Protein backbone atom coordinates (compact mmCIF):
# COMPACT_ATOMS: atom_id res chain seq x y z
CA MET A 1 122.08 43.03 105.93
CA VAL A 2 120.87 41.42 109.20
CA LYS A 3 118.12 38.87 108.70
CA ARG A 4 114.92 39.51 110.68
CA LEU A 5 114.02 36.74 113.09
CA THR A 6 110.84 34.74 112.63
CA GLN A 7 108.17 34.37 115.33
CA THR A 8 109.56 31.00 116.48
CA GLU A 9 113.18 32.23 116.51
CA ALA A 10 112.26 35.35 118.51
CA GLU A 11 110.35 33.30 121.12
CA ALA A 12 113.29 30.92 121.50
CA LYS A 13 115.79 33.77 121.86
CA LEU A 14 113.67 35.57 124.50
CA LYS A 15 113.29 32.30 126.42
CA ARG A 16 117.05 32.26 126.98
CA TYR A 17 116.70 35.54 128.93
CA ASN A 18 113.74 34.16 130.95
CA PHE A 19 111.16 36.21 128.98
CA GLU A 20 108.08 35.08 127.08
CA LEU A 21 106.70 36.74 123.92
CA CYS A 22 102.95 37.53 124.24
CA SER A 23 102.24 39.28 120.93
CA GLU A 24 103.24 39.17 117.28
CA TYR A 25 106.93 39.78 116.57
CA CYS A 26 107.41 42.55 113.95
CA GLY A 27 111.12 43.32 114.39
CA ALA A 28 113.77 43.99 116.99
CA HIS A 29 112.91 47.70 117.23
CA HIS A 30 109.11 47.33 117.12
CA PRO A 31 107.60 47.36 120.67
CA CYS A 32 105.60 44.29 121.64
CA ASP A 33 104.13 42.72 124.80
CA ILE A 34 106.65 40.64 126.79
CA LYS A 35 106.01 38.61 129.96
CA CYS A 36 108.65 38.71 132.70
CA ARG A 37 109.62 35.83 135.01
CA CYS A 38 107.64 37.54 137.79
CA GLY A 39 104.45 37.35 135.70
CA ASN A 40 104.31 41.08 134.81
CA ILE A 41 103.50 41.88 131.17
CA PHE A 42 105.17 45.06 129.88
CA ASN A 43 105.74 46.73 126.52
CA CYS A 44 109.33 46.82 125.32
CA GLN A 45 111.53 46.55 122.23
CA PRO A 46 112.94 43.00 121.90
CA GLY A 47 116.21 44.49 120.67
CA ASN A 48 116.88 46.00 124.11
CA ILE A 49 116.69 42.51 125.64
CA PHE A 50 118.82 40.94 122.89
CA THR A 51 121.62 43.50 123.44
CA GLY A 52 121.47 43.15 127.22
CA SER A 53 120.47 46.76 127.93
CA ARG A 54 117.31 45.52 129.66
CA VAL A 55 117.24 42.37 131.79
CA LYS A 56 114.30 43.11 134.14
CA CYS A 57 110.83 44.61 133.99
CA ASP A 58 109.79 47.77 135.86
CA LEU A 59 108.59 45.78 138.87
CA CYS A 60 111.78 43.77 139.14
CA ARG A 61 114.04 46.88 139.01
CA PRO A 62 112.46 49.64 141.14
CA LYS A 63 113.90 53.17 140.64
CA HIS A 64 116.05 54.53 143.43
CA VAL A 65 115.14 58.10 144.44
CA LEU A 66 117.97 60.07 145.98
CA THR A 67 117.40 61.74 149.34
CA GLN A 68 118.50 65.31 150.04
CA ASP A 69 121.58 64.12 151.94
CA GLU A 70 122.58 61.68 149.18
CA ALA A 71 122.17 64.39 146.51
CA TRP A 72 124.24 66.90 148.55
CA GLU A 73 126.96 64.28 149.09
CA TYR A 74 126.97 63.43 145.36
CA VAL A 75 127.52 67.09 144.40
CA GLU A 76 130.28 67.53 147.00
CA ASN A 77 132.14 64.46 145.74
CA LEU A 78 132.27 65.97 142.22
CA ASN A 79 134.47 68.82 143.56
CA LEU A 80 132.68 71.50 141.52
CA GLY A 81 132.77 75.22 142.16
CA PHE A 82 129.30 75.33 143.72
CA HIS A 83 127.23 73.57 146.44
CA LEU A 84 123.68 72.22 146.58
CA VAL A 85 121.04 73.76 148.86
CA LYS A 86 119.54 70.66 150.52
CA GLU A 87 116.07 72.12 151.16
CA SER A 88 115.48 72.89 147.45
CA PHE A 89 116.17 69.32 146.20
CA LYS A 90 113.15 67.10 145.42
CA HIS A 91 114.25 64.79 142.61
CA ASP A 92 116.71 64.63 139.72
CA THR A 93 114.67 66.60 137.18
CA HIS A 94 113.56 69.33 139.61
CA GLN A 95 115.20 72.77 139.36
CA SER A 96 117.28 72.89 142.58
CA ASP A 97 119.13 75.89 144.01
CA PHE A 98 122.94 76.02 143.94
CA VAL A 99 125.39 78.51 145.50
CA CYS A 100 128.68 79.30 143.75
CA ASN A 101 131.93 79.89 145.63
CA CYS A 102 131.62 83.57 144.63
CA GLY A 103 128.24 83.79 146.38
CA PHE A 104 126.06 83.86 143.22
CA LYS A 105 122.85 81.76 143.36
CA PHE A 106 121.42 79.92 140.35
CA SER A 107 119.02 77.05 139.61
CA ARG A 108 119.66 73.83 137.71
CA SER A 109 118.48 70.22 137.75
CA LEU A 110 120.74 67.47 139.11
CA LYS A 111 120.09 65.43 135.96
CA SER A 112 121.60 68.15 133.74
CA ILE A 113 124.67 68.36 136.03
CA LYS A 114 125.18 64.60 135.75
CA HIS A 115 124.98 64.84 131.96
CA THR A 116 127.40 67.76 131.63
CA VAL A 117 129.88 66.10 134.04
CA ARG A 118 129.71 62.97 131.91
CA MET A 119 130.40 65.12 128.81
CA ASN A 120 133.24 66.93 130.72
CA SER A 121 131.68 70.36 130.04
CA ALA A 122 133.28 73.47 131.57
CA ILE A 123 129.89 75.07 132.24
CA THR A 124 129.45 72.94 135.37
CA ARG A 125 132.61 74.16 137.12
CA SER A 126 131.11 77.47 138.34
CA CYS A 127 128.35 80.02 137.75
CA GLY A 128 130.55 81.72 135.16
CA CYS A 129 132.73 83.76 137.50
CA HIS A 130 135.83 82.05 136.13
CA MET A 131 135.22 83.66 132.71
CA SER A 132 136.98 86.88 131.73
CA SER A 133 135.01 90.12 132.03
CA LEU A 134 133.78 91.85 128.84
CA ARG A 135 132.73 95.10 130.50
CA GLY A 136 133.37 98.16 128.32
CA GLN A 137 133.93 96.17 125.12
CA GLU A 138 131.90 97.08 122.02
CA PHE A 139 130.36 94.56 119.63
CA GLY A 140 128.79 96.52 116.77
CA ASP A 141 126.09 98.76 118.31
CA LEU A 142 126.24 96.86 121.63
CA THR A 143 128.39 97.78 124.65
CA VAL A 144 128.78 95.46 127.68
CA ILE A 145 127.89 97.41 130.86
CA SER A 146 128.15 94.77 133.63
CA ASP A 147 130.77 92.42 135.13
CA TYR A 148 128.49 89.61 136.22
CA LYS A 149 126.94 86.99 133.93
CA ILE A 150 123.33 85.84 133.86
CA LEU A 151 122.76 82.08 133.56
CA ILE A 152 119.59 81.34 131.56
CA ASN A 153 118.84 77.80 130.31
CA GLN A 154 122.49 76.67 130.77
CA SER A 155 123.76 79.64 128.72
CA TYR A 156 125.60 82.75 129.97
CA TYR A 157 124.24 86.18 129.02
CA GLU A 158 125.88 89.62 129.21
CA GLN A 159 123.95 92.82 129.98
CA CYS A 160 124.50 95.25 127.07
CA LEU A 161 123.44 98.75 126.07
CA CYS A 162 122.50 99.34 122.42
CA SER A 163 123.28 102.57 120.56
CA CYS A 164 119.51 103.26 120.39
CA GLY A 165 119.38 103.36 124.21
CA THR A 166 117.83 99.91 124.79
CA LYS A 167 119.19 97.57 127.48
CA VAL A 168 119.23 93.92 126.45
CA ASN A 169 120.69 90.60 127.65
CA VAL A 170 122.76 88.97 124.87
CA ARG A 171 124.23 85.47 124.89
CA ARG A 172 127.98 85.58 125.49
CA THR A 173 128.81 83.17 122.65
CA LYS A 174 126.91 85.36 120.14
CA LEU A 175 129.00 88.39 121.14
CA LEU A 176 132.33 86.56 120.92
CA HIS A 177 131.49 84.99 117.53
CA ASN A 178 130.09 88.26 116.05
CA ARG A 179 126.58 86.84 115.55
CA GLN A 180 124.64 89.73 117.12
CA HIS A 181 125.42 93.43 116.60
CA CYS A 182 122.26 95.23 117.82
CA CYS A 183 119.35 94.92 120.25
CA GLY A 184 117.12 93.03 117.78
CA PRO A 185 114.50 93.52 115.03
CA LYS A 186 113.23 96.80 116.56
CA HIS A 187 116.66 98.43 116.46
CA LEU A 188 115.90 100.52 113.34
CA ILE A 189 112.53 101.59 114.79
CA ASN A 190 114.22 102.68 118.02
CA VAL A 191 116.87 104.65 116.08
CA ILE A 192 114.19 106.50 114.03
CA ASP A 193 112.10 107.12 117.15
CA ARG A 194 115.11 108.61 118.94
CA GLU A 195 115.91 110.79 115.90
CA ILE A 196 112.32 112.12 115.84
CA GLN A 197 112.39 112.79 119.59
CA ASP A 198 115.66 114.80 119.25
CA TYR A 199 114.04 116.87 116.47
CA PHE A 200 110.95 117.62 118.62
CA ASP A 201 113.13 118.59 121.59
CA LYS A 202 115.30 120.86 119.44
CA PHE A 203 112.40 123.00 118.13
CA GLY A 204 110.21 122.87 121.26
CA LEU A 205 107.49 120.63 119.79
CA ILE A 206 105.58 118.09 121.90
CA ARG A 207 105.16 114.53 120.62
CA LEU A 208 101.96 112.61 121.51
CA ASN A 209 102.75 109.10 120.22
CA GLN A 210 105.73 106.86 119.43
CA TYR A 211 107.00 105.93 115.99
CA ILE A 212 105.87 102.43 114.97
CA CYS A 213 106.10 102.29 111.17
CA ASN A 214 106.07 104.56 108.11
CA THR A 215 102.35 104.07 107.44
CA LEU A 216 101.18 105.38 110.83
CA PRO A 217 101.39 109.19 111.25
CA ILE A 218 103.11 111.02 114.08
CA LYS A 219 100.93 113.24 116.27
CA GLY A 220 102.23 116.33 118.03
CA ILE A 221 101.48 119.82 119.36
CA CYS A 222 102.71 122.84 117.39
CA THR A 223 104.33 125.90 118.98
CA CYS A 224 101.02 127.74 118.55
CA GLY A 225 99.21 125.14 120.67
CA ASN A 226 97.29 123.39 117.85
CA ASN A 227 97.54 119.65 117.37
CA PHE A 228 98.92 118.34 114.08
CA VAL A 229 99.39 114.99 112.34
CA VAL A 230 102.30 114.42 109.96
CA GLY A 231 103.61 111.34 108.18
CA ARG A 232 107.12 110.12 108.81
CA PRO A 233 108.33 110.62 105.17
CA ALA A 234 107.15 114.25 105.25
CA LEU A 235 108.72 114.83 108.68
CA LEU A 236 111.99 113.32 107.47
CA ARG A 237 112.35 116.13 104.91
CA TYR A 238 112.09 118.72 107.70
CA ILE A 239 114.67 116.79 109.76
CA LYS A 240 117.16 116.67 106.85
CA ASN A 241 116.70 120.38 106.04
CA ASP A 242 116.78 121.26 109.77
CA LYS A 243 113.56 123.30 109.50
CA ILE A 244 110.74 123.58 112.02
CA TYR A 245 107.41 121.94 111.14
CA LYS A 246 104.34 124.21 111.37
CA CYS A 247 100.67 123.32 111.35
CA SER A 248 98.50 124.66 108.53
CA ASP A 249 96.83 127.19 110.86
CA CYS A 250 100.09 129.02 111.61
CA SER A 251 101.49 128.74 108.08
CA LEU A 252 101.82 132.37 106.84
CA LYS A 253 102.38 131.22 103.27
CA PHE A 254 98.87 129.75 103.03
CA LYS A 255 97.17 132.53 105.02
CA LYS A 256 98.17 134.95 102.27
CA LYS A 257 96.07 132.89 99.81
CA VAL A 258 92.80 133.39 101.70
CA ASN A 259 90.16 135.13 99.46
CA SER A 260 92.38 134.45 96.45
CA ILE A 261 91.55 132.12 93.54
CA ILE A 262 93.51 128.89 93.09
CA GLY A 263 92.51 127.12 89.89
CA ASP A 264 88.72 126.83 89.81
CA PHE A 265 88.24 127.65 93.53
CA GLN A 266 88.13 130.73 95.71
CA ILE A 267 89.56 130.22 99.22
CA LEU A 268 87.09 131.31 101.92
CA PRO A 269 88.34 132.65 105.29
CA ASP A 270 86.51 130.13 107.51
CA HIS A 271 88.21 126.86 108.57
CA TYR A 272 87.81 124.17 111.25
CA GLY A 273 89.81 121.41 112.94
CA LYS A 274 92.49 121.12 115.61
CA ARG A 275 94.71 118.21 114.65
CA ILE A 276 94.12 118.65 110.90
CA ILE A 277 93.05 122.08 109.58
CA PHE A 278 90.43 122.09 106.79
CA TRP A 279 89.79 125.24 104.74
CA HIS A 280 86.54 126.13 103.01
CA ARG A 281 86.63 126.70 99.23
CA LYS A 282 84.06 127.48 96.55
CA CYS A 283 84.10 126.78 92.82
CA VAL A 284 83.86 129.96 90.75
CA ARG A 285 82.12 128.25 87.80
CA CYS A 286 79.49 125.94 89.34
CA GLY A 287 79.31 127.22 92.93
CA HIS A 288 80.26 123.83 94.42
CA THR A 289 81.79 124.11 97.94
CA ASP A 290 83.85 121.63 99.98
CA TRP A 291 86.43 121.41 102.79
CA LYS A 292 90.03 120.43 102.02
CA LYS A 293 93.47 120.45 103.62
CA PRO A 294 95.91 123.11 102.32
CA SER A 295 98.05 120.48 100.60
CA CYS A 296 94.98 119.10 98.74
CA ILE A 297 93.84 122.62 97.75
CA ILE A 298 97.18 123.34 96.09
CA SER A 299 97.58 119.93 94.40
CA ASN A 300 93.89 119.46 93.34
CA SER A 301 92.90 122.90 92.06
CA ARG A 302 90.39 121.67 89.44
CA CYS A 303 86.71 121.23 90.27
CA GLU A 304 85.69 117.59 89.98
CA ILE A 305 82.05 118.44 89.30
CA CYS A 306 82.92 120.75 86.43
CA ALA A 307 85.28 118.15 84.95
CA HIS A 308 82.74 115.28 85.07
CA VAL A 309 79.44 117.09 84.55
CA PHE A 310 79.41 120.64 83.18
CA ASN A 311 82.33 120.22 80.76
CA LYS A 312 80.78 117.12 79.13
CA VAL A 313 77.02 117.71 78.95
CA ALA A 314 74.70 120.71 78.85
CA VAL A 315 70.97 121.22 79.12
CA GLY A 316 69.30 120.27 75.81
CA ASN A 317 71.99 117.81 74.64
CA LYS A 318 70.50 114.73 72.96
CA PHE A 319 71.93 111.20 73.23
CA GLY A 320 69.82 108.74 71.24
CA LYS A 321 66.30 109.04 72.70
CA LEU A 322 67.47 110.88 75.82
CA THR A 323 67.47 114.66 76.28
CA VAL A 324 69.35 116.28 79.19
CA LEU A 325 66.96 118.32 81.38
CA ASN A 326 69.06 119.47 84.33
CA THR A 327 72.77 119.31 85.24
CA LYS A 328 72.88 121.09 88.62
CA ASN A 329 70.84 118.48 90.51
CA TYR A 330 73.21 115.63 89.64
CA LYS A 331 73.61 112.32 91.52
CA LEU A 332 76.69 110.20 92.23
CA THR A 333 75.69 106.53 91.83
CA GLY A 334 78.23 103.70 91.77
CA GLY A 335 81.06 106.07 90.94
CA HIS A 336 79.15 107.56 87.97
CA TYR A 337 77.83 111.10 87.75
CA CYS A 338 74.16 110.94 86.67
CA VAL A 339 72.01 113.78 85.36
CA LYS A 340 68.27 114.00 84.86
CA CYS A 341 67.16 113.13 81.31
CA LYS A 342 63.88 112.70 79.44
CA CYS A 343 63.20 109.92 76.94
CA ASP A 344 61.17 110.34 73.75
CA CYS A 345 58.47 108.15 75.31
CA GLY A 346 58.03 110.79 78.07
CA LYS A 347 59.71 108.98 80.98
CA GLN A 348 62.29 110.88 83.09
CA LYS A 349 65.22 109.23 84.87
CA TYR A 350 68.82 109.81 86.01
CA VAL A 351 71.35 108.43 83.52
CA SER A 352 75.13 108.10 83.76
CA ILE A 353 76.98 110.76 81.72
CA ALA A 354 79.79 108.36 80.82
CA LYS A 355 77.36 105.69 79.56
CA MET A 356 75.47 108.22 77.40
CA ARG A 357 78.69 109.55 75.87
CA ARG A 358 79.93 106.01 75.12
CA GLY A 359 76.55 105.03 73.62
CA ASN A 360 75.79 102.28 76.17
CA ASN A 361 72.62 103.91 77.47
CA LEU A 362 70.54 105.75 74.86
CA SER A 363 66.97 105.19 76.11
CA CYS A 364 64.90 104.77 79.26
CA GLY A 365 64.88 100.98 78.89
CA ASN A 366 61.10 100.54 78.68
CA CYS A 367 60.87 101.40 75.01
CA ASP A 368 62.97 100.15 72.11
CA SER A 369 66.69 100.28 72.85
CA PHE A 370 69.76 100.03 70.68
CA ILE A 371 72.35 97.30 71.14
CA ARG A 372 75.51 97.75 69.05
CA GLY A 373 73.67 100.07 66.68
CA ALA A 374 70.81 97.62 65.88
CA LYS A 375 67.23 98.19 67.00
CA THR A 376 66.10 95.46 69.42
CA SER A 377 62.70 95.00 71.06
CA ILE A 378 62.18 94.30 74.75
CA THR A 379 61.08 90.73 73.93
CA ALA A 380 64.28 90.11 71.96
CA GLN A 381 66.34 91.45 74.84
CA LYS A 382 64.64 88.95 77.18
CA PHE A 383 65.38 86.18 74.67
CA HIS A 384 69.08 87.12 74.74
CA SER A 385 69.16 86.80 78.53
CA VAL A 386 67.42 83.38 78.37
CA VAL A 387 70.02 81.95 75.97
CA GLY A 388 72.78 83.32 78.19
CA ARG A 389 75.64 82.92 75.65
CA GLY A 390 76.92 84.32 72.42
CA VAL A 391 77.26 87.73 70.78
CA HIS A 392 74.11 89.80 70.39
CA ASN A 393 73.32 91.52 67.05
CA TYR A 394 76.36 90.03 65.34
CA ARG A 395 77.13 90.97 61.73
CA THR A 396 78.62 88.08 59.77
CA LYS A 397 81.16 88.34 56.95
CA CYS A 398 78.43 87.66 54.43
CA GLY A 399 76.68 90.87 55.57
CA CYS A 400 73.81 89.36 57.59
CA CYS A 401 72.90 90.85 60.98
CA VAL A 402 71.72 88.06 63.28
CA ASP A 403 70.26 87.99 66.80
CA ILE A 404 72.73 85.66 68.51
CA ALA A 405 75.97 84.09 67.23
CA LEU A 406 77.87 81.55 69.32
CA VAL A 407 80.32 78.65 69.12
CA TYR A 408 79.21 75.38 70.76
CA CYS A 409 80.99 72.01 70.52
CA GLY A 410 83.20 73.41 67.76
CA LYS A 411 80.19 74.43 65.62
CA ARG A 412 79.34 77.97 64.56
CA ILE A 413 75.66 78.45 65.48
CA ILE A 414 73.20 81.28 64.81
CA VAL A 415 69.97 81.63 66.81
CA GLU A 416 67.30 83.84 65.23
CA TYR A 417 64.21 84.98 67.16
CA ASP A 418 61.31 85.81 64.79
CA GLU A 419 58.23 87.43 66.28
CA ASN A 420 54.85 86.99 64.61
CA PHE A 421 54.26 90.77 64.47
CA TRP A 422 57.43 91.47 62.44
CA HIS A 423 58.00 88.29 60.43
CA LYS A 424 54.56 86.91 59.50
CA ASP A 425 54.76 88.40 55.95
CA LYS A 426 58.55 88.13 55.44
CA LYS A 427 58.94 84.47 54.55
CA VAL A 428 60.91 85.13 51.33
CA ARG A 429 63.39 87.45 53.08
CA ASP A 430 63.91 85.02 55.97
CA LEU A 431 64.48 82.08 53.57
CA ARG A 432 67.00 84.10 51.53
CA LYS A 433 68.87 85.08 54.73
CA THR A 434 68.85 81.46 56.01
CA LYS A 435 70.22 80.12 52.68
CA LYS A 436 73.02 82.72 52.75
CA LEU A 437 74.04 81.69 56.29
CA LEU A 438 73.97 77.96 55.42
CA ASP A 439 76.18 78.58 52.37
CA ASN A 440 78.74 80.22 54.65
CA GLY A 441 78.94 77.18 56.99
CA TRP A 442 76.65 78.30 59.84
CA TYR A 443 74.22 76.13 61.82
CA VAL A 444 70.89 78.03 61.94
CA LEU A 445 68.18 77.74 64.61
CA ARG A 446 65.06 79.83 63.94
CA VAL A 447 62.61 80.35 66.84
CA LEU A 448 59.14 81.32 65.56
CA ALA A 449 57.07 82.81 68.40
CA SER A 450 54.39 85.36 69.13
CA GLY A 451 55.60 87.20 72.24
CA ASP A 452 56.20 83.97 74.19
CA ILE A 453 59.80 82.94 74.84
CA PRO A 454 60.83 79.25 75.22
CA ASP A 455 62.68 78.38 78.39
CA LYS A 456 66.45 77.86 78.48
CA LYS A 457 66.19 74.07 78.66
CA THR A 458 64.08 73.90 75.48
CA ILE A 459 66.41 76.18 73.53
CA TRP A 460 69.58 74.27 74.41
CA ALA A 461 67.88 70.95 73.73
CA ALA A 462 67.10 72.27 70.23
CA ILE A 463 70.73 73.41 69.80
CA ASN A 464 71.95 69.90 70.71
CA ARG A 465 69.60 68.41 68.08
CA LEU A 466 70.76 70.98 65.52
CA ILE A 467 74.46 70.13 65.68
CA LYS A 468 73.61 66.47 64.88
CA LYS A 469 71.58 67.29 61.72
CA ASP A 470 73.15 67.10 58.27
CA ASN A 471 71.22 70.02 56.71
CA ARG A 472 72.35 72.37 59.59
CA LEU A 473 68.83 73.92 59.92
CA LEU A 474 66.22 73.56 62.66
CA ILE A 475 62.98 75.52 63.11
CA LEU A 476 61.45 75.73 66.61
CA LYS A 477 57.83 76.84 66.24
CA SER A 478 55.61 78.11 69.08
CA LYS A 479 51.91 77.22 69.42
CA LYS A 480 51.00 80.93 69.23
CA TRP A 481 52.79 81.41 65.89
CA LYS A 482 50.31 82.59 63.21
CA GLY A 483 52.70 83.46 60.39
CA TYR A 484 53.99 81.50 57.42
CA GLU A 485 54.37 77.72 57.45
């Protein structure tokens, strides 16, 4: 391992080469400020000076720019197979024009020619005319169709014709080493597009757009003059079976079904559309009408309204406090079919059929409702939303039905909301229920109120006090409470 020089050793070593170190020395390959003998301060790696690759600053060694005559003479002395055009030369890195002995013109920089001559590369000897011709040879789906080569970025390209009909320039080395066999990523798309075009030409159909992918449909004009739209998978079946595709308007098979009954619907004679034909149909049972494509009429022959409304509810059906009034004037809200119902309190509203059948909505919401089979007042429902956690109307293993049951900090907690109107004369029953819950290991919080509900912060502060108590019981009493003490 080479030892790194210290600051004093680096200054002494640079002084031997008539340089002076002007900044901190951090290593031979770390650039630092160095002062030349001429007084110029420049940034350089000290290692370049130590190895002798740099002995002067930029001012002491000015760059020599070749003239057009000097550059032309330099190229001629190399005895290459091409000559420099003097007027096109500006400097070494500029793309200058060259003329091959065969008469072909190409552009390259003089710097790249110097590098390839130094590396003894054969690419500098001519424009590529010395290479053997590949015309007529096949490489996979590609066939070479030209004798001359195209020089692009110091690489030779051959002009080829793909089997899909696309002309493309392919690098010569990729052809010889079997690294490219088609025109590129769009080869399969071009093959399918050509196959579809041959099918349209065979049966006299007119295509209006090109094939891009399987998800986008293909538009065309039928033999009857109507426009049609067909997906590529469906069209592929016609191509394999060698059958002509017909639009729905000229399909005799479906015209025979007009005025007939398919499933729950009767097909009406009127239709509309040019690109896609829609037929009018009417449900025999409920009278519902809609417009569908022939394929949808055959596959979906059942009436959706009858399946979701008339087959599940009828006028006069009772679900909890709700009675169905009308099923014909239904509404579709949020993906649910809703019918008009009347509650026992007299209010009328539209209720989801699915929710009534499942038992999730059995009242108008303004009167007493049922949650999991237990009767709950509106005030208790608001209390549930304030707590924000736990299971409502939970039935414990000991047989007690409680308002809210939850698990908090590893403790099983029950929150009971006792209103003054219902619990003012039920002290013995509430004490018996509380003792039963405590014997089964529950933490019990009883909120005694008279229509007023504590805020969320007060309730959770009481729960935090409860889990620290040894007797596992806490009573939170409101100022409006007028029941037992």
